[in-house]
Amino acid sequence: MKKLLIAVDTYFPKKDGVVRFLENIVPRLEKYYFITIVAPDFNGREKFFDRKNVNEIVFPVEKKKSFAGYNPVKKTKNIRKIIKKEVRNCDIVFSQDIAYIGRLAIKYGKELRKPVVSYVHQISWEQVRGIFAKKPLQGWFASSFVKFAAKRIYGKCSLLFVPSKTTAEQLKKEGVRKEKIIISLGIDLEKFSPPESKPAAKIGIKIDPRKSIIGYCGRISKEKDLLTLKDVFLAIKEKFPDSVLLIVGGGAGEDAEILKKTEDVIVTGFVKDVTPYLKAMDIFVLPSLTETTSLATMEAMACGVPVITTPLGRLAEYVHNNVNGYLFPPGRKDILAKRISELLSNSEKRNFMGRNARKSISQFSWDITVQKMVGVFENLTR
């Protein structure tokens, strides 16, 4: 059995898009490869994949340092030594990002002449620009540096996996010349499905079933622009007093503290299973300033929830105005308020869009995603 090394700079118990990606692909890839995962230790070296062909190596993180809600790995010679050893022993390097662990795996993969594939889960320099949204000059310098570094790192890969044609075209436009193969994200349609009863779903997460839930799922970070969503929510509260804003996810920093202190805003922190929360939502909103695909939006749609999102990355390919949701320009509070109000005041339209959301997302499958990956990996190792 061939050996696959997965390098990642975010890990359990966090439940961001990358972690949920791993949660779905690792059990499927295990049928074809012995998998070693190198990752940060956020939770005391607990083993998260209790599977025969999966080995996990986790590294300590900085407790007092945080960026966008994530503690970086402590940079030591031992980490570099371990990652280089694992790269030498593997047949394929599969990186999930270009932060410290992912960057080292790509570097050593190139040096040791291993096939190296990186999945582009997000456009990293756009993410940085979003984090510094209130400091545009600082954001420009930071994102320019990250773009320069990213292009060099991607250049060491054998090829890149991207979630959509839109992302591939954007990377090419930005000067990333490396070959790109589209590998779409999948959805577990059995797990993420409409609830039998919306009121019961709300009771299940301890919210009054008479309340209308405007929801978001993901990390709390500047580039997600959740304060725009918060401001819009407060603006429409007078017209819709029985509404609540549900933020499913966690994060550190000013935005998280502001949200936690806002009346009728519920912040769950990181949760092991987002499904019950998505099922309880009446509307899902993603106000991000940068995105590639947004697995959380796809999962909300699979649960029969109409969505309102910014038209970034692949979102504009599967979210259609007046059909399964709405698109709105980033930062446009007036348009977002109008769209939320339309759906809160019209249950028939909300239900119609929710049914269409479920139908439109049913084409996505994790089994197809993994089959495509395996085909590429096998070609690289012949």
Protein backbone atom coordinates (compact mmCIF):
# COMPACT_ATOMS: atom_id res chain seq x y z
CA MET A 1 0.00 0.00 0.00
CA LYS A 2 1.40 3.40 -0.98
CA LYS A 3 2.03 6.05 1.68
CA LEU A 4 0.29 9.44 1.60
CA LEU A 5 1.53 12.30 3.79
CA ILE A 6 -1.10 14.96 4.59
CA ALA A 7 0.31 18.24 5.91
CA VAL A 8 -2.08 20.73 7.52
CA ASP A 9 -1.83 23.81 9.75
CA THR A 10 -5.33 23.62 11.21
CA TYR A 11 -6.74 20.55 12.94
CA PHE A 12 -9.27 19.13 15.36
CA PRO A 13 -11.03 20.07 17.56
CA LYS A 14 -11.50 23.09 15.28
CA LYS A 15 -14.14 22.53 12.64
CA ASP A 16 -13.26 24.93 9.85
CA GLY A 17 -13.57 24.08 6.16
CA VAL A 18 -10.16 22.41 5.92
CA VAL A 19 -10.76 20.19 8.95
CA ARG A 20 -14.17 19.12 7.66
CA PHE A 21 -12.56 18.44 4.29
CA LEU A 22 -10.13 16.05 6.02
CA GLU A 23 -12.94 14.55 8.06
CA ASN A 24 -14.61 13.46 4.84
CA ILE A 25 -11.68 12.50 2.61
CA VAL A 26 -9.37 10.67 5.06
CA PRO A 27 -11.70 7.69 5.70
CA ARG A 28 -12.20 7.35 1.94
CA LEU A 29 -8.52 7.74 1.03
CA GLU A 30 -7.61 5.15 3.66
CA LYS A 31 -8.94 2.47 1.32
CA TYR A 32 -6.08 3.24 -1.07
CA TYR A 33 -3.20 4.56 1.07
CA PHE A 34 -1.54 4.37 4.44
CA ILE A 35 -1.97 7.94 5.64
CA THR A 36 0.25 9.97 7.95
CA ILE A 37 -1.08 13.36 9.04
CA VAL A 38 1.25 16.06 10.37
CA ALA A 39 -0.73 18.78 12.13
CA PRO A 40 -0.80 21.26 15.03
CA ASP A 41 -1.78 20.01 18.48
CA PHE A 42 -4.72 22.09 19.67
CA ASN A 43 -6.10 19.58 22.14
CA GLY A 44 -3.48 17.65 24.09
CA ARG A 45 -2.43 15.02 21.55
CA GLU A 46 -5.83 13.38 21.31
CA LYS A 47 -6.11 10.98 18.35
CA PHE A 48 -8.95 12.04 16.08
CA PHE A 49 -8.83 9.38 13.35
CA ASP A 50 -9.07 6.06 15.13
CA ARG A 51 -8.41 4.07 11.97
CA LYS A 52 -6.05 1.23 11.09
CA ASN A 53 -4.27 2.94 8.20
CA VAL A 54 -4.09 6.46 9.64
CA ASN A 55 -1.22 7.78 11.76
CA GLU A 56 -1.27 11.24 13.34
CA ILE A 57 1.77 13.29 14.35
CA VAL A 58 0.91 16.56 16.10
CA PHE A 59 3.17 19.44 17.11
CA PRO A 60 2.84 21.89 20.04
CA VAL A 61 1.51 25.38 19.34
CA GLU A 62 2.26 28.82 20.72
CA LYS A 63 -0.21 29.43 23.54
CA LYS A 64 0.19 33.19 23.68
CA LYS A 65 0.25 33.91 19.95
CA SER A 66 -2.76 33.86 17.65
CA PHE A 67 -3.53 34.92 14.08
CA ALA A 68 -7.10 34.94 12.76
CA GLY A 69 -8.08 32.76 15.73
CA TYR A 70 -5.34 30.15 15.19
CA ASN A 71 -2.31 29.45 17.35
CA PRO A 72 0.79 28.89 15.19
CA VAL A 73 3.02 25.87 15.61
CA LYS A 74 6.20 26.37 17.62
CA LYS A 75 9.03 26.47 15.11
CA THR A 76 11.71 24.04 16.24
CA LYS A 77 14.45 21.95 14.62
CA ASN A 78 12.65 18.83 15.83
CA ILE A 79 9.55 19.66 13.77
CA ARG A 80 11.63 20.17 10.65
CA LYS A 81 13.47 16.91 11.31
CA ILE A 82 10.24 14.93 11.78
CA ILE A 83 8.51 16.39 8.72
CA LYS A 84 11.56 15.75 6.53
CA LYS A 85 11.68 12.15 7.77
CA GLU A 86 7.98 11.64 7.00
CA VAL A 87 8.38 13.18 3.54
CA ARG A 88 11.31 10.85 2.83
CA ASN A 89 9.21 7.83 3.87
CA CYS A 90 6.08 8.73 1.87
CA ASP A 91 5.14 8.26 -1.78
CA ILE A 92 3.03 11.43 -2.12
CA VAL A 93 2.96 14.76 -0.25
CA PHE A 94 -0.51 16.30 0.01
CA SER A 95 -0.48 19.77 1.59
CA GLN A 96 -3.64 21.59 2.68
CA ASP A 97 -2.12 25.05 3.02
CA ILE A 98 1.10 27.01 2.80
CA ALA A 99 1.59 27.97 6.45
CA TYR A 100 4.48 26.49 8.44
CA ILE A 101 3.72 22.75 8.35
CA GLY A 102 2.37 22.78 4.79
CA ARG A 103 5.26 24.92 3.60
CA LEU A 104 7.86 22.57 5.13
CA ALA A 105 6.21 19.51 3.60
CA ILE A 106 6.21 21.14 0.16
CA LYS A 107 9.83 22.28 0.56
CA TYR A 108 11.12 18.85 1.56
CA GLY A 109 8.94 17.15 -1.03
CA LYS A 110 10.61 19.21 -3.73
CA GLU A 111 14.09 18.57 -2.30
CA LEU A 112 13.53 14.82 -2.02
CA ARG A 113 11.88 14.61 -5.47
CA LYS A 114 8.50 13.40 -4.23
CA PRO A 115 5.22 14.12 -6.02
CA VAL A 116 3.78 17.17 -4.22
CA VAL A 117 0.15 18.29 -4.47
CA SER A 118 -1.35 21.26 -2.63
CA TYR A 119 -5.08 21.87 -2.31
CA VAL A 120 -5.87 25.59 -2.59
CA HIS A 121 -8.63 25.93 0.01
CA GLN A 122 -8.39 29.72 0.03
CA ILE A 123 -6.57 32.49 -1.78
CA SER A 124 -4.16 33.23 1.06
CA TRP A 125 -3.30 36.81 0.12
CA GLU A 126 -6.98 37.73 -0.16
CA GLN A 127 -7.53 36.22 3.27
CA VAL A 128 -4.75 38.40 4.68
CA ARG A 129 -6.19 41.48 2.97
CA GLY A 130 -9.55 40.73 4.55
CA ILE A 131 -8.00 40.36 8.00
CA PHE A 132 -6.52 43.85 7.61
CA ALA A 133 -9.70 45.29 6.08
CA LYS A 134 -9.67 48.29 8.45
CA LYS A 135 -5.98 48.94 7.79
CA PRO A 136 -5.77 49.05 3.98
CA LEU A 137 -2.14 50.15 3.67
CA GLN A 138 -0.94 47.54 6.13
CA GLY A 139 -3.15 45.00 4.41
CA TRP A 140 -1.69 45.83 1.01
CA PHE A 141 1.88 45.28 2.20
CA ALA A 142 0.97 42.06 4.05
CA SER A 143 -1.03 40.59 1.17
CA SER A 144 1.68 41.51 -1.35
CA PHE A 145 4.27 39.68 0.72
CA VAL A 146 2.01 36.64 1.13
CA LYS A 147 1.27 36.58 -2.61
CA PHE A 148 4.99 36.66 -3.43
CA ALA A 149 5.70 33.84 -0.94
CA ALA A 150 2.68 31.79 -2.07
CA LYS A 151 3.72 31.91 -5.72
CA ARG A 152 7.18 30.63 -4.80
CA ILE A 153 5.75 27.84 -2.62
CA TYR A 154 3.19 26.75 -5.22
CA GLY A 155 6.01 26.70 -7.75
CA LYS A 156 7.62 23.83 -5.81
CA CYS A 157 4.53 21.64 -6.18
CA SER A 158 3.97 19.05 -8.90
CA LEU A 159 0.47 20.47 -9.39
CA LEU A 160 -2.36 22.17 -7.54
CA PHE A 161 -5.87 20.99 -6.70
CA VAL A 162 -8.44 23.81 -6.90
CA PRO A 163 -12.13 23.64 -5.98
CA SER A 164 -13.44 25.39 -9.09
CA LYS A 165 -12.69 26.82 -12.51
CA THR A 166 -13.14 30.28 -11.00
CA THR A 167 -10.30 29.68 -8.52
CA ALA A 168 -8.08 28.24 -11.25
CA GLU A 169 -8.63 31.31 -13.44
CA GLN A 170 -8.03 33.67 -10.54
CA LEU A 171 -4.73 32.00 -9.63
CA LYS A 172 -3.59 32.11 -13.25
CA LYS A 173 -4.48 35.80 -13.47
CA GLU A 174 -2.43 36.44 -10.31
CA GLY A 175 0.62 34.76 -11.86
CA VAL A 176 0.43 31.25 -10.40
CA ARG A 177 1.51 29.21 -13.45
CA LYS A 178 1.58 25.73 -11.92
CA GLU A 179 -0.77 23.13 -13.45
CA LYS A 180 -4.18 23.12 -11.79
CA ILE A 181 -6.73 20.31 -11.59
CA ILE A 182 -10.31 21.01 -10.49
CA ILE A 183 -11.33 18.78 -7.57
CA SER A 184 -14.73 19.90 -6.30
CA LEU A 185 -15.70 19.58 -2.66
CA GLY A 186 -18.38 17.06 -1.77
CA ILE A 187 -21.37 16.89 0.54
CA ASP A 188 -22.64 14.10 2.79
CA LEU A 189 -26.27 14.35 1.68
CA GLU A 190 -27.47 11.84 4.27
CA LYS A 191 -25.97 13.75 7.18
CA PHE A 192 -26.84 17.20 5.83
CA SER A 193 -30.54 16.99 5.03
CA PRO A 194 -33.67 19.06 5.80
CA PRO A 195 -35.12 18.52 9.29
CA GLU A 196 -38.38 16.69 9.74
CA SER A 197 -39.53 19.63 11.85
CA LYS A 198 -37.97 23.10 11.92
CA PRO A 199 -39.45 23.94 15.35
CA ALA A 200 -38.09 20.67 16.76
CA ALA A 201 -34.67 21.46 15.26
CA LYS A 202 -34.68 24.82 17.07
CA ILE A 203 -35.67 23.23 20.34
CA GLY A 204 -32.83 20.74 19.84
CA ILE A 205 -30.27 23.55 20.01
CA LYS A 206 -32.17 25.29 22.85
CA ILE A 207 -33.63 28.18 20.87
CA ASP A 208 -37.29 29.20 21.16
CA PRO A 209 -39.07 27.64 18.13
CA ARG A 210 -40.98 30.89 17.63
CA LYS A 211 -37.72 32.69 16.86
CA SER A 212 -36.45 33.23 13.31
CA ILE A 213 -32.80 32.21 13.06
CA ILE A 214 -30.38 34.08 10.81
CA GLY A 215 -27.27 31.91 10.82
CA TYR A 216 -23.60 31.76 9.94
CA CYS A 217 -21.20 28.83 10.27
CA GLY A 218 -17.41 29.13 10.23
CA ARG A 219 -14.57 30.81 12.03
CA ILE A 220 -14.85 34.32 13.41
CA SER A 221 -12.21 36.36 11.63
CA LYS A 222 -11.93 39.79 10.02
CA GLU A 223 -12.12 38.49 6.44
CA LYS A 224 -15.49 36.90 7.18
CA ASP A 225 -16.89 40.43 7.80
CA LEU A 226 -19.29 39.28 10.50
CA LEU A 227 -19.61 42.78 11.93
CA THR A 228 -21.43 43.77 8.72
CA LEU A 229 -23.88 40.93 9.38
CA LYS A 230 -24.20 42.03 13.01
CA ASP A 231 -24.95 45.64 12.02
CA VAL A 232 -27.59 44.54 9.51
CA PHE A 233 -29.17 42.23 12.09
CA LEU A 234 -29.46 45.06 14.61
CA ALA A 235 -30.90 47.34 11.93
CA ILE A 236 -33.76 44.96 11.07
CA LYS A 237 -34.50 43.92 14.67
CA GLU A 238 -37.22 46.54 15.05
CA LYS A 239 -39.15 45.07 12.14
CA PHE A 240 -38.38 41.47 13.14
CA PRO A 241 -38.13 41.47 16.97
CA ASP A 242 -38.45 37.67 17.18
CA SER A 243 -35.23 37.05 15.28
CA VAL A 244 -31.82 35.93 16.56
CA LEU A 245 -28.38 35.84 14.96
CA LEU A 246 -26.68 32.46 15.40
CA ILE A 247 -22.90 32.35 14.88
CA VAL A 248 -21.74 28.72 14.77
CA GLY A 249 -18.00 28.81 15.21
CA GLY A 250 -15.25 30.34 17.28
CA GLY A 251 -12.32 32.66 17.11
CA ALA A 252 -10.31 35.16 19.08
CA GLY A 253 -9.94 38.88 18.68
CA GLU A 254 -12.06 42.01 18.64
CA ASP A 255 -14.82 40.73 16.32
CA ALA A 256 -15.50 37.70 18.49
CA GLU A 257 -15.75 39.83 21.63
CA ILE A 258 -18.11 42.31 19.98
CA LEU A 259 -20.40 39.54 18.76
CA LYS A 260 -20.51 37.84 22.15
CA LYS A 261 -21.59 41.10 23.82
CA THR A 262 -24.35 41.91 21.31
CA GLU A 263 -27.93 41.30 22.42
CA ASP A 264 -29.72 38.42 20.65
CA VAL A 265 -26.49 37.22 19.06
CA ILE A 266 -25.63 33.62 20.00
CA VAL A 267 -22.00 32.54 19.55
CA THR A 268 -21.52 28.80 20.03
CA GLY A 269 -17.73 28.56 19.79
CA PHE A 270 -16.29 25.60 17.89
CA VAL A 271 -18.70 22.64 17.94
CA LYS A 272 -18.05 18.99 17.07
CA ASP A 273 -21.10 18.69 14.83
CA VAL A 274 -22.54 21.69 12.98
CA THR A 275 -25.46 19.72 11.50
CA PRO A 276 -28.11 20.41 14.19
CA TYR A 277 -27.39 24.14 13.97
CA LEU A 278 -27.67 24.27 10.19
CA LYS A 279 -30.95 22.35 10.28
CA ALA A 280 -32.40 24.90 12.73
CA MET A 281 -31.55 27.98 10.63
CA ASP A 282 -34.18 29.84 8.61
CA ILE A 283 -31.59 31.77 6.58
CA PHE A 284 -27.85 31.23 6.15
CA VAL A 285 -25.67 34.29 5.53
CA LEU A 286 -22.04 34.35 4.39
CA PRO A 287 -20.76 37.96 4.20
CA SER A 288 -17.12 37.00 3.47
CA LEU A 289 -14.64 39.31 1.77
CA THR A 290 -12.80 36.30 0.31
CA GLU A 291 -13.89 32.72 -0.46
CA THR A 292 -13.11 29.84 -2.82
CA THR A 293 -16.04 27.41 -2.42
CA SER A 294 -17.46 27.63 1.15
CA LEU A 295 -18.27 24.13 2.33
CA ALA A 296 -20.46 25.59 5.09
CA THR A 297 -22.71 27.27 2.52
CA MET A 298 -23.06 24.02 0.58
CA GLU A 299 -23.92 22.13 3.78
CA ALA A 300 -26.55 24.72 4.72
CA MET A 301 -28.12 24.36 1.27
CA ALA A 302 -28.13 20.57 1.64
CA CYS A 303 -30.15 21.12 4.84
CA GLY A 304 -32.75 23.00 2.81
CA VAL A 305 -31.76 26.48 4.00
CA PRO A 306 -31.89 29.46 1.59
CA VAL A 307 -28.56 31.31 1.54
CA ILE A 308 -27.41 34.90 1.12
CA THR A 309 -23.74 35.21 0.19
CA THR A 310 -21.15 37.40 -1.46
CA PRO A 311 -20.46 36.31 -5.09
CA LEU A 312 -16.88 35.17 -4.53
CA GLY A 313 -15.03 32.10 -5.77
CA ARG A 314 -17.39 29.31 -6.71
CA LEU A 315 -20.34 30.73 -4.78
CA ALA A 316 -21.63 32.54 -7.86
CA GLU A 317 -21.65 29.22 -9.72
CA TYR A 318 -24.12 27.46 -7.42
CA VAL A 319 -26.04 30.26 -5.66
CA HIS A 320 -28.64 31.79 -7.98
CA ASN A 321 -30.69 34.89 -7.23
CA ASN A 322 -34.37 34.26 -6.54
CA VAL A 323 -33.87 30.51 -7.07
CA ASN A 324 -31.97 29.05 -4.11
CA GLY A 325 -30.75 32.23 -2.44
CA TYR A 326 -29.29 35.67 -3.07
CA LEU A 327 -25.91 37.17 -3.90
CA PHE A 328 -24.92 40.59 -2.60
CA PRO A 329 -21.80 42.76 -3.07
CA PRO A 330 -19.28 42.53 -0.17
CA GLY A 331 -19.93 45.13 2.52
CA ARG A 332 -23.26 46.34 1.08
CA LYS A 333 -25.36 46.48 4.25
CA ASP A 334 -28.36 48.01 2.46
CA ILE A 335 -28.67 45.12 0.00
CA LEU A 336 -28.04 42.48 2.66
CA ALA A 337 -30.73 44.02 4.89
CA LYS A 338 -33.19 44.03 1.99
CA ARG A 339 -32.55 40.36 1.17
CA ILE A 340 -32.82 39.16 4.78
CA SER A 341 -36.02 41.16 5.24
CA GLU A 342 -37.54 39.67 2.09
CA LEU A 343 -36.97 36.14 3.33
CA LEU A 344 -38.02 36.76 6.93
CA SER A 345 -41.30 38.31 5.82
CA ASN A 346 -42.17 35.63 3.25
CA SER A 347 -42.17 32.04 4.52
CA GLU A 348 -43.40 30.67 1.16
CA LYS A 349 -40.45 32.20 -0.67
CA ARG A 350 -38.11 30.99 2.05
CA ASN A 351 -39.40 27.44 1.77
CA PHE A 352 -39.32 27.56 -2.05
CA MET A 353 -35.67 28.66 -2.06
CA GLY A 354 -34.80 26.11 0.61
CA ARG A 355 -36.18 23.24 -1.50
CA ASN A 356 -34.25 24.52 -4.52
CA ALA A 357 -31.10 24.84 -2.45
CA ARG A 358 -31.30 21.17 -1.55
CA LYS A 359 -31.90 20.14 -5.17
CA SER A 360 -29.07 22.26 -6.58
CA ILE A 361 -26.47 20.88 -4.17
CA SER A 362 -27.36 17.19 -4.64
CA GLN A 363 -24.82 16.82 -7.47
CA PHE A 364 -21.84 17.06 -5.09
CA SER A 365 -20.36 13.83 -3.68
CA TRP A 366 -17.30 13.09 -1.52
CA ASP A 367 -16.91 9.71 -3.22
CA ILE A 368 -16.50 11.42 -6.60
CA THR A 369 -14.08 13.93 -5.06
CA VAL A 370 -11.84 11.18 -3.67
CA GLN A 371 -11.98 9.08 -6.85
CA LYS A 372 -10.63 12.04 -8.81
CA MET A 373 -7.87 12.60 -6.26
CA VAL A 374 -6.81 8.96 -6.34
CA GLY A 375 -6.67 9.01 -10.14
CA VAL A 376 -4.29 11.98 -10.05
CA PHE A 377 -2.16 10.50 -7.26
CA GLU A 378 -1.79 7.23 -9.16
CA ASN A 379 -0.65 9.03 -12.30
CA LEU A 380 1.96 10.94 -10.29
CA THR A 381 3.42 7.78 -8.71
CA ARG A 382 3.66 5.54 -11.80
